[in-house]
Protein backbone atom coordinates (compact mmCIF):
# COMPACT_ATOMS: atom_id res chain seq x y z
CA UNK A 1 10.57 -4.28 0.84
CA UNK A 2 8.67 -6.63 -1.47
CA UNK A 3 5.67 -8.47 0.00
CA UNK A 4 4.51 -11.57 -1.86
CA UNK A 5 1.14 -12.80 -0.67
CA UNK A 6 0.62 -16.52 -0.16
CA UNK A 7 -1.87 -16.53 -3.04
CA UNK A 8 0.88 -15.30 -5.39
CA UNK A 9 2.91 -18.36 -4.50
CA UNK A 10 -0.07 -20.69 -4.98
CA UNK A 11 -1.19 -19.23 -8.34
CA UNK A 12 2.13 -18.71 -10.09
CA UNK A 13 0.63 -19.21 -13.56
CA UNK A 14 -1.42 -16.01 -13.28
CA UNK A 15 0.17 -12.68 -14.29
CA UNK A 16 0.96 -10.22 -11.50
CA UNK A 17 1.77 -6.51 -11.45
CA UNK A 18 4.09 -4.68 -9.11
CA UNK A 19 2.89 -1.44 -7.59
CA UNK A 20 4.72 1.01 -5.32
CA UNK A 21 2.84 2.62 -2.42
CA UNK A 22 2.97 6.36 -3.04
CA UNK A 23 0.67 7.51 -0.22
CA UNK A 24 -1.14 6.02 2.77
CA UNK A 25 -4.67 7.43 2.80
CA UNK A 26 -6.06 6.02 6.04
CA UNK A 27 -7.58 3.07 7.89
CA UNK A 28 -10.85 1.44 6.91
CA UNK A 29 -12.92 -1.65 7.71
CA UNK A 30 -15.12 -2.46 10.68
CA UNK A 31 -12.20 -2.75 13.08
CA UNK A 32 -9.70 -0.57 11.22
CA UNK A 33 -7.55 -3.51 10.17
CA UNK A 34 -7.41 -2.50 6.47
CA UNK A 35 -5.27 0.38 5.18
CA UNK A 36 -6.26 2.33 2.09
CA UNK A 37 -3.28 3.32 -0.07
CA UNK A 38 -2.59 4.96 -3.44
CA UNK A 39 -0.25 2.85 -5.57
CA UNK A 40 1.65 3.59 -8.78
CA UNK A 41 2.26 0.73 -11.19
CA UNK A 42 5.84 -0.26 -11.96
CA UNK A 43 7.31 -1.39 -15.28
CA UNK A 44 10.96 -2.31 -15.58
CA UNK A 45 11.85 -1.08 -12.10
CA UNK A 46 10.46 2.44 -12.50
CA UNK A 47 6.97 3.79 -11.85
CA UNK A 48 4.54 4.59 -14.63
CA UNK A 49 2.08 7.48 -14.48
CA UNK A 50 -0.92 5.26 -13.69
CA UNK A 51 -2.08 5.12 -10.07
CA UNK A 52 -5.12 3.68 -8.29
CA UNK A 53 -6.45 3.35 -4.73
CA UNK A 54 -6.28 -0.11 -3.14
CA UNK A 55 -7.10 -1.67 0.22
CA UNK A 56 -4.23 -3.50 1.94
CA UNK A 57 -4.49 -5.87 4.87
CA UNK A 58 -1.44 -5.97 7.12
CA UNK A 59 1.40 -3.54 7.78
CA UNK A 60 2.20 -1.16 4.93
CA UNK A 61 4.06 2.14 4.56
CA UNK A 62 5.07 4.53 1.80
CA UNK A 63 7.68 3.10 -0.54
CA UNK A 64 6.59 -0.54 -0.11
CA UNK A 65 6.16 -2.58 -3.28
CA UNK A 66 3.00 -4.68 -3.54
CA UNK A 67 2.43 -7.67 -5.80
CA UNK A 68 -1.11 -7.32 -7.20
CA UNK A 69 -2.98 -10.30 -8.64
CA UNK A 70 -5.96 -8.08 -9.55
CA UNK A 71 -5.06 -4.61 -10.85
CA UNK A 72 -8.17 -3.45 -12.73
CA UNK A 73 -10.37 -2.88 -9.70
CA UNK A 74 -10.11 0.30 -7.63
CA UNK A 75 -11.21 0.58 -3.99
CA UNK A 76 -13.96 2.98 -2.95
CA UNK A 77 -12.76 6.14 -1.23
CA UNK A 78 -12.86 6.56 2.55
CA UNK A 79 -15.73 8.56 3.99
């Protein structure tokens, strides 16, 4: 399943990167409404070796493909 955030539709002139969720690490945030995941970047339909940890708001599971507007920043680890 490919999730395109509303901001991706509003800012179509900015480059985006696709990333596949390889592992769900846990819930974070004050109320637990953010999920921390490890994603692997995709190029040409297949995953590359590069992976980072990101925070995702909303439902997410392993195998989902995320559309990232910002891909340089990595989330802090859960405590």
